[in-house]
């Protein structure tokens, strides 16, 4: 689902569509866990699309909360 955002900047009304951010977050979390860049990741989301990446990160002995 595309998320439409509306922003007011310099008295102009701008609208943009937010796409693919969950994939970017998931890839960053996974890569950084493999590179041992963190011990614990804190993810705040109601999106069940993150479940597979969380399972993989936990396989790397990292905590995900």
C-alpha atoms as a PDB file:
ATOM      1  CA  UNK A   1       0.000   0.000   0.000  1.00  0.00           C
ATOM      2  CA  UNK A   2       1.358   3.409  -0.950  1.00  0.00           C
ATOM      3  CA  UNK A   3       1.383   6.048   1.744  1.00  0.00           C
ATOM      4  CA  UNK A   4       0.497   9.550   0.650  1.00  0.00           C
ATOM      5  CA  UNK A   5       2.005  12.360   2.697  1.00  0.00           C
ATOM      6  CA  UNK A   6       1.125  16.011   2.568  1.00  0.00           C
ATOM      7  CA  UNK A   7       3.649  18.591   3.726  1.00  0.00           C
ATOM      8  CA  UNK A   8       3.499  22.366   3.936  1.00  0.00           C
ATOM      9  CA  UNK A   9       6.827  23.963   3.114  1.00  0.00           C
ATOM     10  CA  UNK A  10       7.452  27.645   2.404  1.00  0.00           C
ATOM     11  CA  UNK A  11       3.693  28.171   2.194  1.00  0.00           C
ATOM     12  CA  UNK A  12       3.438  25.527  -0.538  1.00  0.00           C
ATOM     13  CA  UNK A  13       1.372  22.382  -0.190  1.00  0.00           C
ATOM     14  CA  UNK A  14       3.377  19.391  -1.392  1.00  0.00           C
ATOM     15  CA  UNK A  15       2.227  15.791  -1.656  1.00  0.00           C
ATOM     16  CA  UNK A  16       4.475  12.779  -2.100  1.00  0.00           C
ATOM     17  CA  UNK A  17       4.112   9.026  -2.086  1.00  0.00           C
ATOM     18  CA  UNK A  18       6.196   6.951   0.306  1.00  0.00           C
ATOM     19  CA  UNK A  19       7.130   3.590  -1.235  1.00  0.00           C
ATOM     20  CA  UNK A  20       9.497   0.782  -0.399  1.00  0.00           C
ATOM     21  CA  UNK A  21      10.727   2.086   2.942  1.00  0.00           C
ATOM     22  CA  UNK A  22       9.995  -1.200   4.692  1.00  0.00           C
ATOM     23  CA  UNK A  23      12.351  -2.998   2.295  1.00  0.00           C
ATOM     24  CA  UNK A  24      15.094  -0.423   2.892  1.00  0.00           C
ATOM     25  CA  UNK A  25      14.723  -0.759   6.676  1.00  0.00           C
ATOM     26  CA  UNK A  26      14.707  -4.573   6.500  1.00  0.00           C
ATOM     27  CA  UNK A  27      17.821  -4.722   4.302  1.00  0.00           C
ATOM     28  CA  UNK A  28      19.683  -2.245   6.524  1.00  0.00           C
ATOM     29  CA  UNK A  29      18.773  -4.205   9.656  1.00  0.00           C
ATOM     30  CA  UNK A  30      19.919  -7.479   8.118  1.00  0.00           C
ATOM     31  CA  UNK A  31      23.181  -6.145   6.661  1.00  0.00           C
ATOM     32  CA  UNK A  32      24.120  -4.361   9.875  1.00  0.00           C
ATOM     33  CA  UNK A  33      23.429  -7.521  11.903  1.00  0.00           C
ATOM     34  CA  UNK A  34      25.719  -9.564   9.639  1.00  0.00           C
ATOM     35  CA  UNK A  35      28.394  -6.868   9.947  1.00  0.00           C
ATOM     36  CA  UNK A  36      28.026  -7.064  13.751  1.00  0.00           C
ATOM     37  CA  UNK A  37      27.192  -3.350  13.967  1.00  0.00           C
ATOM     38  CA  UNK A  38      24.683  -3.780  16.800  1.00  0.00           C
ATOM     39  CA  UNK A  39      23.639  -6.144  19.570  1.00  0.00           C
ATOM     40  CA  UNK A  40      19.987  -5.094  19.830  1.00  0.00           C
ATOM     41  CA  UNK A  41      17.650  -3.643  17.208  1.00  0.00           C
ATOM     42  CA  UNK A  42      14.472  -1.854  18.247  1.00  0.00           C
ATOM     43  CA  UNK A  43      11.823  -1.844  15.546  1.00  0.00           C
ATOM     44  CA  UNK A  44       8.539  -0.032  16.078  1.00  0.00           C
ATOM     45  CA  UNK A  45       6.072  -1.170  13.452  1.00  0.00           C
ATOM     46  CA  UNK A  46       2.765  -2.920  13.108  1.00  0.00           C
ATOM     47  CA  UNK A  47       3.764  -4.307   9.721  1.00  0.00           C
ATOM     48  CA  UNK A  48       3.978  -8.108   9.658  1.00  0.00           C
ATOM     49  CA  UNK A  49       6.218  -7.871   6.576  1.00  0.00           C
ATOM     50  CA  UNK A  50       9.143  -7.505   9.000  1.00  0.00           C
ATOM     51  CA  UNK A  51       8.646 -10.959  10.582  1.00  0.00           C
ATOM     52  CA  UNK A  52      10.931 -12.893   8.163  1.00  0.00           C
ATOM     53  CA  UNK A  53      13.816 -10.440   8.528  1.00  0.00           C
ATOM     54  CA  UNK A  54      13.439 -10.431  12.319  1.00  0.00           C
ATOM     55  CA  UNK A  55      13.741 -14.227  12.311  1.00  0.00           C
ATOM     56  CA  UNK A  56      16.913 -14.033  10.200  1.00  0.00           C
ATOM     57  CA  UNK A  57      18.413 -11.369  12.453  1.00  0.00           C
ATOM     58  CA  UNK A  58      17.730 -13.510  15.510  1.00  0.00           C
ATOM     59  CA  UNK A  59      19.570 -16.361  13.766  1.00  0.00           C
ATOM     60  CA  UNK A  60      22.592 -14.004  13.805  1.00  0.00           C
ATOM     61  CA  UNK A  61      22.333 -13.991  17.640  1.00  0.00           C
ATOM     62  CA  UNK A  62      20.974 -10.433  17.737  1.00  0.00           C
ATOM     63  CA  UNK A  63      18.109  -9.209  19.860  1.00  0.00           C
ATOM     64  CA  UNK A  64      15.161  -7.578  18.141  1.00  0.00           C
ATOM     65  CA  UNK A  65      12.565  -5.787  20.191  1.00  0.00           C
END
